[in-house]
Amino acid sequence: MTSYLRQKWQSFQIGTSESEDVQEEALNSENTEEIERSKIGIMRAVVQAQDPSAKDIDDLMIRRFLRARDLDVEKASAMLLKYLKWRKEFVPNGFISPAEIPNDLAHNKLFMQGYDKSGRPIVVVFAAKHKPTNVEEFKRYVTFSLDKICARMPSGQEKFTAIADLQGWGYANSDIRGYLASLSILQDCYPERLGKLFIIHVPYIFMTAWKMVYPFIDKNTKKKIIFVEDKKLQSTLLQDIDESQLPETFGGKTKLVPIQEC
């Protein structure tokens, strides 16, 4: 075989392989969607049999709980039923009022504005502004904030991107009980809502608190956490967020808005 024909043959093989890979990927995607649709129906029946209020839940919420438990219907159903019970008890009015979380709101530590390149709302947390408060109030604050974030998601979007700025964080800001409580609410009650978490300006002393929290982070959440080096901060954020949507404090053009004003 001449070198020309050999090159043509190799080119054909590469092109065919790529085409087959694309077809296989599309087929796998279709199969996954079909499996999810089937399991959503099964899970809805299981959950509604134990809690009739589940009839008001849309398929997207059921799918998020399914995905959080790797499409295990039994585990996802138990998780969803636990969430419904928690919601009725913890948020009996259907929402958390600002009057219920005055101390945490006064810290002015959580902001929201703009969208990343995937259309996800951007949330910014300034950890050094947090001071430990009553754990129950902090849990209400976390729930209030997550409800606000979810309400701001555009149609077709289910996740948000978060930036946790730890500049100035010290032991006075350390709140292990609060961190674990907020992690539990995020993972157990708002599964598959976090798209990506950038942790920036990380002081060395923070790693002591991180080692205590890390074992409680589930494997799906761990994949979404990115520690960013200071020297690569802007370039890393700009990979996911356009400059026009990046907060001014990080070199962008967007003004941050306190979560309670969103």
C-alpha atoms as a PDB file:
ATOM      1  CA  MET A   1       0.000   0.000   0.000  1.00  0.00           C
ATOM      2  CA  THR A   2       1.498   3.373  -0.994  1.00  0.00           C
ATOM      3  CA  SER A   3       2.031   6.015   1.711  1.00  0.00           C
ATOM      4  CA  TYR A   4      -0.774   8.079   0.109  1.00  0.00           C
ATOM      5  CA  LEU A   5      -3.250   5.208   0.281  1.00  0.00           C
ATOM      6  CA  ARG A   6      -2.107   4.361   3.781  1.00  0.00           C
ATOM      7  CA  GLN A   7      -2.797   7.928   4.914  1.00  0.00           C
ATOM      8  CA  LYS A   8      -6.212   7.836   3.248  1.00  0.00           C
ATOM      9  CA  TRP A   9      -7.026   4.534   4.923  1.00  0.00           C
ATOM     10  CA  GLN A  10      -5.918   5.770   8.346  1.00  0.00           C
ATOM     11  CA  SER A  11      -7.910   8.940   7.830  1.00  0.00           C
ATOM     12  CA  PHE A  12     -10.971   6.880   6.937  1.00  0.00           C
ATOM     13  CA  GLN A  13     -10.496   4.662   9.999  1.00  0.00           C
ATOM     14  CA  ILE A  14     -10.190   7.689  12.306  1.00  0.00           C
ATOM     15  CA  GLY A  15     -13.258   9.326  10.765  1.00  0.00           C
ATOM     16  CA  THR A  16     -15.248   6.108  11.044  1.00  0.00           C
ATOM     17  CA  SER A  17     -14.170   5.622  14.649  1.00  0.00           C
ATOM     18  CA  GLU A  18     -15.171   9.163  15.594  1.00  0.00           C
ATOM     19  CA  SER A  19     -18.514   8.728  13.849  1.00  0.00           C
ATOM     20  CA  GLU A  20     -19.126   5.472  15.701  1.00  0.00           C
ATOM     21  CA  ASP A  21     -18.209   7.100  19.004  1.00  0.00           C
ATOM     22  CA  VAL A  22     -20.716   9.911  18.402  1.00  0.00           C
ATOM     23  CA  GLN A  23     -23.426   7.425  17.459  1.00  0.00           C
ATOM     24  CA  GLU A  24     -22.689   5.292  20.514  1.00  0.00           C
ATOM     25  CA  GLU A  25     -22.760   8.341  22.782  1.00  0.00           C
ATOM     26  CA  ALA A  26     -26.112   9.446  21.358  1.00  0.00           C
ATOM     27  CA  LEU A  27     -27.487   5.924  21.779  1.00  0.00           C
ATOM     28  CA  ASN A  28     -26.284   5.749  25.379  1.00  0.00           C
ATOM     29  CA  SER A  29     -27.867   9.137  26.062  1.00  0.00           C
ATOM     30  CA  GLU A  30     -31.189   7.984  24.614  1.00  0.00           C
ATOM     31  CA  ASN A  31     -31.039   4.775  26.645  1.00  0.00           C
ATOM     32  CA  THR A  32     -30.291   6.710  29.830  1.00  0.00           C
ATOM     33  CA  GLU A  33     -33.189   9.093  29.212  1.00  0.00           C
ATOM     34  CA  GLU A  34     -35.517   6.154  28.564  1.00  0.00           C
ATOM     35  CA  ILE A  35     -34.389   4.436  31.773  1.00  0.00           C
ATOM     36  CA  GLU A  36     -34.860   7.673  33.720  1.00  0.00           C
ATOM     37  CA  ARG A  37     -38.366   8.192  32.342  1.00  0.00           C
ATOM     38  CA  SER A  38     -39.327   4.655  33.314  1.00  0.00           C
ATOM     39  CA  LYS A  39     -37.906   4.996  36.820  1.00  0.00           C
ATOM     40  CA  ILE A  40     -39.529   8.405  37.328  1.00  0.00           C
ATOM     41  CA  GLY A  41     -42.920   6.768  36.768  1.00  0.00           C
ATOM     42  CA  ILE A  42     -42.143   3.941  39.171  1.00  0.00           C
ATOM     43  CA  MET A  43     -40.782   6.303  41.806  1.00  0.00           C
ATOM     44  CA  ARG A  44     -43.781   8.607  41.557  1.00  0.00           C
ATOM     45  CA  ALA A  45     -46.111   5.691  42.253  1.00  0.00           C
ATOM     46  CA  VAL A  46     -44.007   4.520  45.206  1.00  0.00           C
ATOM     47  CA  VAL A  47     -43.774   7.964  46.808  1.00  0.00           C
ATOM     48  CA  GLN A  48     -47.410   8.944  46.214  1.00  0.00           C
ATOM     49  CA  ALA A  49     -48.572   5.726  47.837  1.00  0.00           C
ATOM     50  CA  GLN A  50     -46.921   6.892  51.063  1.00  0.00           C
ATOM     51  CA  ASP A  51     -47.411  10.635  50.735  1.00  0.00           C
ATOM     52  CA  PRO A  52     -50.295  11.808  48.498  1.00  0.00           C
ATOM     53  CA  SER A  53     -48.898  15.380  48.482  1.00  0.00           C
ATOM     54  CA  ALA A  54     -46.195  14.086  46.107  1.00  0.00           C
ATOM     55  CA  LYS A  55     -48.724  14.339  43.280  1.00  0.00           C
ATOM     56  CA  ASP A  56     -47.826  18.047  43.043  1.00  0.00           C
ATOM     57  CA  ILE A  57     -44.140  17.320  42.425  1.00  0.00           C
ATOM     58  CA  ASP A  58     -42.919  17.624  38.848  1.00  0.00           C
ATOM     59  CA  ASP A  59     -40.824  15.022  37.029  1.00  0.00           C
ATOM     60  CA  LEU A  60     -37.714  17.210  37.173  1.00  0.00           C
ATOM     61  CA  MET A  61     -37.644  17.109  40.958  1.00  0.00           C
ATOM     62  CA  ILE A  62     -38.102  13.335  40.979  1.00  0.00           C
ATOM     63  CA  ARG A  63     -35.292  13.027  38.430  1.00  0.00           C
ATOM     64  CA  ARG A  64     -32.945  15.089  40.622  1.00  0.00           C
ATOM     65  CA  PHE A  65     -33.534  12.778  43.575  1.00  0.00           C
ATOM     66  CA  LEU A  66     -33.069   9.752  41.308  1.00  0.00           C
ATOM     67  CA  ARG A  67     -29.772  11.047  39.976  1.00  0.00           C
ATOM     68  CA  ALA A  68     -28.589  11.831  43.482  1.00  0.00           C
ATOM     69  CA  ARG A  69     -28.976   8.134  44.303  1.00  0.00           C
ATOM     70  CA  ASP A  70     -27.567   6.841  41.007  1.00  0.00           C
ATOM     71  CA  LEU A  71     -31.047   5.900  39.707  1.00  0.00           C
ATOM     72  CA  ASP A  72     -31.736   3.563  42.636  1.00  0.00           C
ATOM     73  CA  VAL A  73     -35.528   3.894  42.961  1.00  0.00           C
ATOM     74  CA  GLU A  74     -35.701   2.561  46.512  1.00  0.00           C
ATOM     75  CA  LYS A  75     -33.003   4.878  47.866  1.00  0.00           C
ATOM     76  CA  ALA A  76     -34.268   7.884  45.887  1.00  0.00           C
ATOM     77  CA  SER A  77     -37.854   7.300  47.065  1.00  0.00           C
ATOM     78  CA  ALA A  78     -36.727   7.178  50.700  1.00  0.00           C
ATOM     79  CA  MET A  79     -34.742  10.356  50.172  1.00  0.00           C
ATOM     80  CA  LEU A  80     -37.688  12.179  48.592  1.00  0.00           C
ATOM     81  CA  LEU A  81     -40.124  11.061  51.312  1.00  0.00           C
ATOM     82  CA  LYS A  82     -37.696  12.298  53.951  1.00  0.00           C
ATOM     83  CA  TYR A  83     -37.477  15.635  52.138  1.00  0.00           C
ATOM     84  CA  LEU A  84     -41.271  16.013  51.969  1.00  0.00           C
ATOM     85  CA  LYS A  85     -41.546  15.348  55.706  1.00  0.00           C
ATOM     86  CA  TRP A  86     -38.738  17.824  56.423  1.00  0.00           C
ATOM     87  CA  ARG A  87     -40.337  20.504  54.257  1.00  0.00           C
ATOM     88  CA  LYS A  88     -43.695  20.239  55.998  1.00  0.00           C
ATOM     89  CA  GLU A  89     -42.101  20.472  59.427  1.00  0.00           C
ATOM     90  CA  PHE A  90     -39.326  22.976  58.776  1.00  0.00           C
ATOM     91  CA  VAL A  91     -41.110  25.271  56.292  1.00  0.00           C
ATOM     92  CA  PRO A  92     -44.773  24.970  57.341  1.00  0.00           C
ATOM     93  CA  ASN A  93     -45.737  28.235  55.632  1.00  0.00           C
ATOM     94  CA  GLY A  94     -44.109  27.222  52.369  1.00  0.00           C
ATOM     95  CA  PHE A  95     -41.377  29.862  52.651  1.00  0.00           C
ATOM     96  CA  ILE A  96     -38.896  31.337  55.128  1.00  0.00           C
ATOM     97  CA  SER A  97     -39.553  34.984  56.000  1.00  0.00           C
ATOM     98  CA  PRO A  98     -36.638  37.466  56.397  1.00  0.00           C
ATOM     99  CA  ALA A  99     -38.050  38.169  59.853  1.00  0.00           C
ATOM    100  CA  GLU A 100     -37.076  34.607  60.821  1.00  0.00           C
ATOM    101  CA  ILE A 101     -33.377  35.086  59.977  1.00  0.00           C
ATOM    102  CA  PRO A 102     -32.417  38.647  61.081  1.00  0.00           C
ATOM    103  CA  ASN A 103     -28.948  37.821  62.422  1.00  0.00           C
ATOM    104  CA  ASP A 104     -27.718  35.940  59.372  1.00  0.00           C
ATOM    105  CA  LEU A 105     -29.155  38.500  56.953  1.00  0.00           C
ATOM    106  CA  ALA A 106     -27.348  41.248  58.882  1.00  0.00           C
ATOM    107  CA  HIS A 107     -24.003  39.657  57.995  1.00  0.00           C
ATOM    108  CA  ASN A 108     -24.623  40.523  54.315  1.00  0.00           C
ATOM    109  CA  LYS A 109     -22.531  37.534  53.261  1.00  0.00           C
ATOM    110  CA  LEU A 110     -24.432  35.992  50.343  1.00  0.00           C
ATOM    111  CA  PHE A 111     -24.959  37.617  46.964  1.00  0.00           C
ATOM    112  CA  MET A 112     -26.413  36.616  43.637  1.00  0.00           C
ATOM    113  CA  GLN A 113     -26.173  38.153  40.204  1.00  0.00           C
ATOM    114  CA  GLY A 114     -25.462  37.079  36.650  1.00  0.00           C
ATOM    115  CA  TYR A 115     -25.265  33.714  34.901  1.00  0.00           C
ATOM    116  CA  ASP A 116     -22.416  31.457  33.823  1.00  0.00           C
ATOM    117  CA  LYS A 117     -21.889  30.258  30.252  1.00  0.00           C
ATOM    118  CA  SER A 118     -24.258  27.334  30.856  1.00  0.00           C
ATOM    119  CA  GLY A 119     -27.050  29.661  31.986  1.00  0.00           C
ATOM    120  CA  ARG A 120     -26.664  28.840  35.668  1.00  0.00           C
ATOM    121  CA  PRO A 121     -27.267  31.627  38.219  1.00  0.00           C
ATOM    122  CA  ILE A 122     -24.092  32.726  40.020  1.00  0.00           C
ATOM    123  CA  VAL A 123     -24.005  32.858  43.820  1.00  0.00           C
ATOM    124  CA  VAL A 124     -21.153  34.459  45.771  1.00  0.00           C
ATOM    125  CA  VAL A 125     -20.449  33.776  49.443  1.00  0.00           C
ATOM    126  CA  PHE A 126     -18.025  35.882  51.490  1.00  0.00           C
ATOM    127  CA  ALA A 127     -17.067  33.461  54.254  1.00  0.00           C
ATOM    128  CA  ALA A 128     -15.267  36.037  56.391  1.00  0.00           C
ATOM    129  CA  LYS A 129     -18.571  37.869  56.910  1.00  0.00           C
ATOM    130  CA  HIS A 130     -20.135  34.833  58.540  1.00  0.00           C
ATOM    131  CA  LYS A 131     -20.289  34.644  62.314  1.00  0.00           C
ATOM    132  CA  PRO A 132     -21.727  31.579  64.044  1.00  0.00           C
ATOM    133  CA  THR A 133     -25.343  32.136  65.040  1.00  0.00           C
ATOM    134  CA  ASN A 134     -28.088  29.908  66.383  1.00  0.00           C
ATOM    135  CA  VAL A 135     -27.878  26.737  64.273  1.00  0.00           C
ATOM    136  CA  GLU A 136     -31.637  26.609  63.729  1.00  0.00           C
ATOM    137  CA  GLU A 137     -31.646  30.171  62.405  1.00  0.00           C
ATOM    138  CA  PHE A 138     -28.710  29.381  60.133  1.00  0.00           C
ATOM    139  CA  LYS A 139     -30.562  26.362  58.746  1.00  0.00           C
ATOM    140  CA  ARG A 140     -33.538  28.625  58.019  1.00  0.00           C
ATOM    141  CA  TYR A 141     -31.140  31.097  56.347  1.00  0.00           C
ATOM    142  CA  VAL A 142     -29.690  28.341  54.134  1.00  0.00           C
ATOM    143  CA  THR A 143     -33.192  27.202  53.166  1.00  0.00           C
ATOM    144  CA  PHE A 144     -34.271  30.793  52.480  1.00  0.00           C
ATOM    145  CA  SER A 145     -31.216  31.298  50.252  1.00  0.00           C
ATOM    146  CA  LEU A 146     -31.582  28.047  48.313  1.00  0.00           C
ATOM    147  CA  ASP A 147     -35.259  28.782  47.671  1.00  0.00           C
ATOM    148  CA  LYS A 148     -34.277  32.216  46.349  1.00  0.00           C
ATOM    149  CA  ILE A 149     -31.608  30.706  44.108  1.00  0.00           C
ATOM    150  CA  CYS A 150     -33.946  28.057  42.693  1.00  0.00           C
ATOM    151  CA  ALA A 151     -36.620  30.675  42.032  1.00  0.00           C
ATOM    152  CA  ARG A 152     -34.123  32.661  39.927  1.00  0.00           C
ATOM    153  CA  MET A 153     -33.196  29.788  37.645  1.00  0.00           C
ATOM    154  CA  PRO A 154     -34.245  30.331  34.025  1.00  0.00           C
ATOM    155  CA  SER A 155     -36.547  27.849  32.332  1.00  0.00           C
ATOM    156  CA  GLY A 156     -34.760  24.606  31.531  1.00  0.00           C
ATOM    157  CA  GLN A 157     -32.008  25.169  34.098  1.00  0.00           C
ATOM    158  CA  GLU A 158     -31.749  23.184  37.333  1.00  0.00           C
ATOM    159  CA  LYS A 159     -28.328  24.047  38.725  1.00  0.00           C
ATOM    160  CA  PHE A 160     -26.413  27.050  40.057  1.00  0.00           C
ATOM    161  CA  THR A 161     -22.735  27.973  40.189  1.00  0.00           C
ATOM    162  CA  ALA A 162     -21.240  29.173  43.466  1.00  0.00           C
ATOM    163  CA  ILE A 163     -18.086  31.094  44.340  1.00  0.00           C
ATOM    164  CA  ALA A 164     -16.972  30.846  47.972  1.00  0.00           C
ATOM    165  CA  ASP A 165     -14.500  33.657  48.741  1.00  0.00           C
ATOM    166  CA  LEU A 166     -12.495  32.812  51.867  1.00  0.00           C
ATOM    167  CA  GLN A 167     -10.341  35.938  51.933  1.00  0.00           C
ATOM    168  CA  GLY A 168      -9.995  37.081  55.535  1.00  0.00           C
ATOM    169  CA  TRP A 169     -11.505  33.886  56.932  1.00  0.00           C
ATOM    170  CA  GLY A 170     -10.291  33.044  60.435  1.00  0.00           C
ATOM    171  CA  TYR A 171     -11.188  30.983  63.449  1.00  0.00           C
ATOM    172  CA  ALA A 172     -13.837  33.550  64.449  1.00  0.00           C
ATOM    173  CA  ASN A 173     -15.687  32.571  61.252  1.00  0.00           C
ATOM    174  CA  SER A 174     -15.305  28.830  61.757  1.00  0.00           C
ATOM    175  CA  ASP A 175     -18.691  27.197  62.252  1.00  0.00           C
ATOM    176  CA  ILE A 176     -18.449  23.428  61.835  1.00  0.00           C
ATOM    177  CA  ARG A 177     -21.986  22.808  63.090  1.00  0.00           C
ATOM    178  CA  GLY A 178     -23.314  25.400  60.664  1.00  0.00           C
ATOM    179  CA  TYR A 179     -21.264  24.049  57.760  1.00  0.00           C
ATOM    180  CA  LEU A 180     -22.484  20.494  58.356  1.00  0.00           C
ATOM    181  CA  ALA A 181     -26.087  21.668  58.703  1.00  0.00           C
ATOM    182  CA  SER A 182     -25.944  23.609  55.428  1.00  0.00           C
ATOM    183  CA  LEU A 183     -24.233  20.684  53.664  1.00  0.00           C
ATOM    184  CA  SER A 184     -26.959  18.333  54.858  1.00  0.00           C
ATOM    185  CA  ILE A 185     -29.716  20.635  53.576  1.00  0.00           C
ATOM    186  CA  LEU A 186     -28.009  21.096  50.206  1.00  0.00           C
ATOM    187  CA  GLN A 187     -27.333  17.395  49.648  1.00  0.00           C
ATOM    188  CA  ASP A 188     -30.476  15.890  51.166  1.00  0.00           C
ATOM    189  CA  CYS A 189     -33.124  18.500  50.336  1.00  0.00           C
ATOM    190  CA  TYR A 190     -31.793  20.208  47.192  1.00  0.00           C
ATOM    191  CA  PRO A 191     -29.969  17.366  45.408  1.00  0.00           C
ATOM    192  CA  GLU A 192     -28.453  17.992  41.987  1.00  0.00           C
ATOM    193  CA  ARG A 193     -28.887  21.753  42.378  1.00  0.00           C
ATOM    194  CA  LEU A 194     -25.206  22.620  42.752  1.00  0.00           C
ATOM    195  CA  GLY A 195     -23.492  22.706  39.371  1.00  0.00           C
ATOM    196  CA  LYS A 196     -20.033  23.835  40.412  1.00  0.00           C
ATOM    197  CA  LEU A 197     -18.392  25.381  43.485  1.00  0.00           C
ATOM    198  CA  PHE A 198     -15.243  27.480  43.165  1.00  0.00           C
ATOM    199  CA  ILE A 199     -13.411  27.955  46.482  1.00  0.00           C
ATOM    200  CA  ILE A 200     -11.053  30.915  46.228  1.00  0.00           C
ATOM    201  CA  HIS A 201      -8.577  32.919  48.364  1.00  0.00           C
ATOM    202  CA  VAL A 202      -8.150  29.919  50.640  1.00  0.00           C
ATOM    203  CA  PRO A 203      -6.121  30.607  53.812  1.00  0.00           C
ATOM    204  CA  TYR A 204      -4.013  27.786  55.172  1.00  0.00           C
ATOM    205  CA  ILE A 205      -5.891  27.683  58.484  1.00  0.00           C
ATOM    206  CA  PHE A 206      -9.142  26.896  56.652  1.00  0.00           C
ATOM    207  CA  MET A 207      -7.886  23.420  55.850  1.00  0.00           C
ATOM    208  CA  THR A 208      -8.331  22.418  59.498  1.00  0.00           C
ATOM    209  CA  ALA A 209     -12.077  23.063  59.211  1.00  0.00           C
ATOM    210  CA  TRP A 210     -12.161  21.515  55.730  1.00  0.00           C
ATOM    211  CA  LYS A 211     -10.747  18.219  57.015  1.00  0.00           C
ATOM    212  CA  MET A 212     -13.625  18.020  59.482  1.00  0.00           C
ATOM    213  CA  VAL A 213     -16.296  18.706  56.861  1.00  0.00           C
ATOM    214  CA  TYR A 214     -14.869  16.748  53.910  1.00  0.00           C
ATOM    215  CA  PRO A 215     -15.889  13.232  55.085  1.00  0.00           C
ATOM    216  CA  PHE A 216     -19.551  14.318  55.090  1.00  0.00           C
ATOM    217  CA  ILE A 217     -19.522  15.489  51.464  1.00  0.00           C
ATOM    218  CA  ASP A 218     -21.031  12.881  49.132  1.00  0.00           C
ATOM    219  CA  LYS A 219     -19.140  11.668  46.084  1.00  0.00           C
ATOM    220  CA  ASN A 220     -21.346  13.549  43.602  1.00  0.00           C
ATOM    221  CA  THR A 221     -20.805  16.860  45.416  1.00  0.00           C
ATOM    222  CA  LYS A 222     -17.059  16.331  45.729  1.00  0.00           C
ATOM    223  CA  LYS A 223     -16.753  16.204  41.942  1.00  0.00           C
ATOM    224  CA  LYS A 224     -18.197  19.716  41.700  1.00  0.00           C
ATOM    225  CA  ILE A 225     -15.748  21.432  44.079  1.00  0.00           C
ATOM    226  CA  ILE A 226     -12.752  23.284  42.657  1.00  0.00           C
ATOM    227  CA  PHE A 227     -10.040  24.937  44.768  1.00  0.00           C
ATOM    228  CA  VAL A 228      -8.624  27.826  42.742  1.00  0.00           C
ATOM    229  CA  GLU A 229      -5.072  29.167  43.035  1.00  0.00           C
ATOM    230  CA  ASP A 230      -4.877  32.939  43.505  1.00  0.00           C
ATOM    231  CA  LYS A 231      -2.643  33.391  40.453  1.00  0.00           C
ATOM    232  CA  LYS A 232      -5.146  31.510  38.271  1.00  0.00           C
ATOM    233  CA  LEU A 233      -8.295  33.050  39.755  1.00  0.00           C
ATOM    234  CA  GLN A 234      -9.544  35.199  36.886  1.00  0.00           C
ATOM    235  CA  SER A 235      -8.486  32.822  34.118  1.00  0.00           C
ATOM    236  CA  THR A 236     -10.203  29.906  35.870  1.00  0.00           C
ATOM    237  CA  LEU A 237     -13.453  31.779  36.476  1.00  0.00           C
ATOM    238  CA  LEU A 238     -13.502  33.122  32.917  1.00  0.00           C
ATOM    239  CA  GLN A 239     -13.533  29.575  31.564  1.00  0.00           C
ATOM    240  CA  ASP A 240     -17.066  29.212  32.949  1.00  0.00           C
ATOM    241  CA  ILE A 241     -18.229  32.821  33.338  1.00  0.00           C
ATOM    242  CA  ASP A 242     -18.175  35.585  30.741  1.00  0.00           C
ATOM    243  CA  GLU A 243     -16.519  38.829  31.859  1.00  0.00           C
ATOM    244  CA  SER A 244     -19.843  40.649  31.503  1.00  0.00           C
ATOM    245  CA  GLN A 245     -21.364  38.259  34.075  1.00  0.00           C
ATOM    246  CA  LEU A 246     -18.371  38.011  36.409  1.00  0.00           C
ATOM    247  CA  PRO A 247     -18.704  40.063  39.639  1.00  0.00           C
ATOM    248  CA  GLU A 248     -16.708  43.287  39.764  1.00  0.00           C
ATOM    249  CA  THR A 249     -14.839  42.108  42.841  1.00  0.00           C
ATOM    250  CA  PHE A 250     -13.262  39.390  40.687  1.00  0.00           C
ATOM    251  CA  GLY A 251     -12.421  41.637  37.754  1.00  0.00           C
ATOM    252  CA  GLY A 252     -15.745  41.425  35.915  1.00  0.00           C
ATOM    253  CA  LYS A 253     -18.501  43.933  35.195  1.00  0.00           C
ATOM    254  CA  THR A 254     -21.463  42.752  37.285  1.00  0.00           C
ATOM    255  CA  LYS A 255     -22.554  44.362  40.531  1.00  0.00           C
ATOM    256  CA  LEU A 256     -23.524  41.920  43.253  1.00  0.00           C
ATOM    257  CA  VAL A 257     -26.985  41.974  44.802  1.00  0.00           C
ATOM    258  CA  PRO A 258     -27.675  40.700  48.351  1.00  0.00           C
ATOM    259  CA  ILE A 259     -29.673  37.471  48.313  1.00  0.00           C
ATOM    260  CA  GLN A 260     -32.565  39.043  50.230  1.00  0.00           C
ATOM    261  CA  GLU A 261     -33.013  41.611  47.446  1.00  0.00           C
ATOM    262  CA  CYS A 262     -33.122  39.053  44.649  1.00  0.00           C
END
